[in-house]
Protein backbone atom coordinates (compact mmCIF):
# COMPACT_ATOMS: atom_id res chain seq x y z
CA MET A 1 -0.12 0.17 0.02
CA TYR A 2 1.75 3.40 -1.01
CA ARG A 3 1.48 5.94 1.86
CA VAL A 4 0.43 9.66 -0.37
CA THR A 5 -0.71 12.39 1.01
CA VAL A 6 -1.93 14.41 -0.40
CA SER A 7 -2.25 19.09 0.60
CA LEU A 8 -2.22 22.36 -0.68
CA GLN A 9 0.24 25.77 0.29
CA ALA A 10 -1.28 28.39 -1.25
CA PRO A 11 0.98 31.82 -0.12
CA LYS A 12 -1.50 33.73 -1.43
CA GLY A 13 -1.16 37.70 0.62
CA PRO A 14 1.49 40.38 1.09
CA VAL A 15 5.32 39.19 0.96
CA PHE A 16 8.15 41.67 0.64
CA ARG A 17 8.35 41.26 -3.61
CA VAL A 18 4.29 41.82 -3.65
CA ILE A 19 4.66 45.32 -1.70
CA SER A 20 7.81 46.51 -3.32
CA ARG A 21 5.97 45.85 -7.00
CA ARG A 22 2.60 46.96 -6.45
CA ALA A 23 4.40 50.74 -3.99
CA GLU A 24 6.31 50.99 -7.60
CA ALA A 25 3.30 50.30 -9.35
CA THR A 26 1.07 53.27 -7.67
CA GLY A 27 4.18 55.91 -6.66
CA LYS A 28 4.82 54.67 -2.71
CA THR A 29 7.64 54.70 -0.99
CA PHE A 30 8.27 50.54 0.09
CA GLU A 31 7.30 51.69 4.31
CA GLU A 32 3.75 53.49 2.73
CA MET A 33 2.72 50.52 0.79
CA LYS A 34 3.80 48.20 4.38
CA LYS A 35 2.29 50.19 6.35
CA PHE A 36 -0.78 50.33 4.15
CA TYR A 37 -0.90 46.76 4.66
CA MET A 38 0.55 46.35 8.22
CA ASP A 39 -2.28 48.74 9.44
CA GLN A 40 -5.17 46.17 7.87
CA ILE A 41 -3.47 42.31 7.86
CA PRO A 42 -4.28 41.25 11.91
CA SER A 43 -0.68 39.23 12.54
CA THR A 44 2.69 40.17 10.21
CA LEU A 45 3.89 40.59 7.12
CA CYS A 46 4.68 37.01 5.41
CA HIS A 47 7.82 36.47 4.87
CA PRO A 48 9.23 34.12 2.24
CA TYR A 49 11.58 31.67 3.92
CA GLU A 50 7.60 31.10 5.90
CA VAL A 51 6.45 30.49 2.51
CA ALA A 52 9.11 27.95 2.32
CA LYS A 53 9.69 26.92 5.70
CA ALA A 54 6.03 25.68 5.74
CA ALA A 55 6.02 23.50 2.46
CA LEU A 56 10.10 22.11 3.91
CA PHE A 57 7.31 21.12 6.71
CA LEU A 58 4.06 19.24 4.17
CA VAL A 59 7.29 17.45 2.18
CA SER A 60 8.92 16.41 5.52
CA ASP A 61 7.80 12.41 7.79
CA ASP A 62 6.18 15.64 10.60
CA SER A 63 3.82 15.62 8.62
CA SER A 64 2.83 12.14 7.32
CA GLY A 65 -0.43 12.85 10.33
CA VAL A 66 -1.89 15.38 7.81
CA THR A 67 -3.73 15.19 3.92
CA ALA A 68 -5.94 16.95 2.56
CA GLN A 69 -5.37 20.24 3.78
CA HIS A 70 -4.98 23.60 2.57
CA PHE A 71 -2.05 25.52 4.32
CA CYS A 72 -3.01 29.96 3.48
CA VAL A 73 0.33 30.96 4.70
CA SER A 74 -1.03 35.06 5.09
CA GLY A 75 0.66 36.29 7.79
CA GLY A 76 -3.45 36.89 8.35
CA ILE A 77 -5.35 38.60 4.65
CA GLU A 78 -7.32 35.94 4.14
CA VAL A 79 -9.12 37.57 7.62
CA LEU A 80 -10.10 40.41 6.09
């Protein structure tokens, strides 16, 4: 019997690269755009390494009991 688990990692929300691009597109500074998001997010900004840690967990043996789950790595932006 194969022990296959399937879960989904969905990194959405503002990571620093997204904030930089949106700042450039709107003519705002990085700090202005960061403040805009920080005023709305109940947690903190999501760093790329946090997205990577979630992915590493899903491919590790530590996640053997996890299946059919959706991991939203966003820092809390999805609750707005």
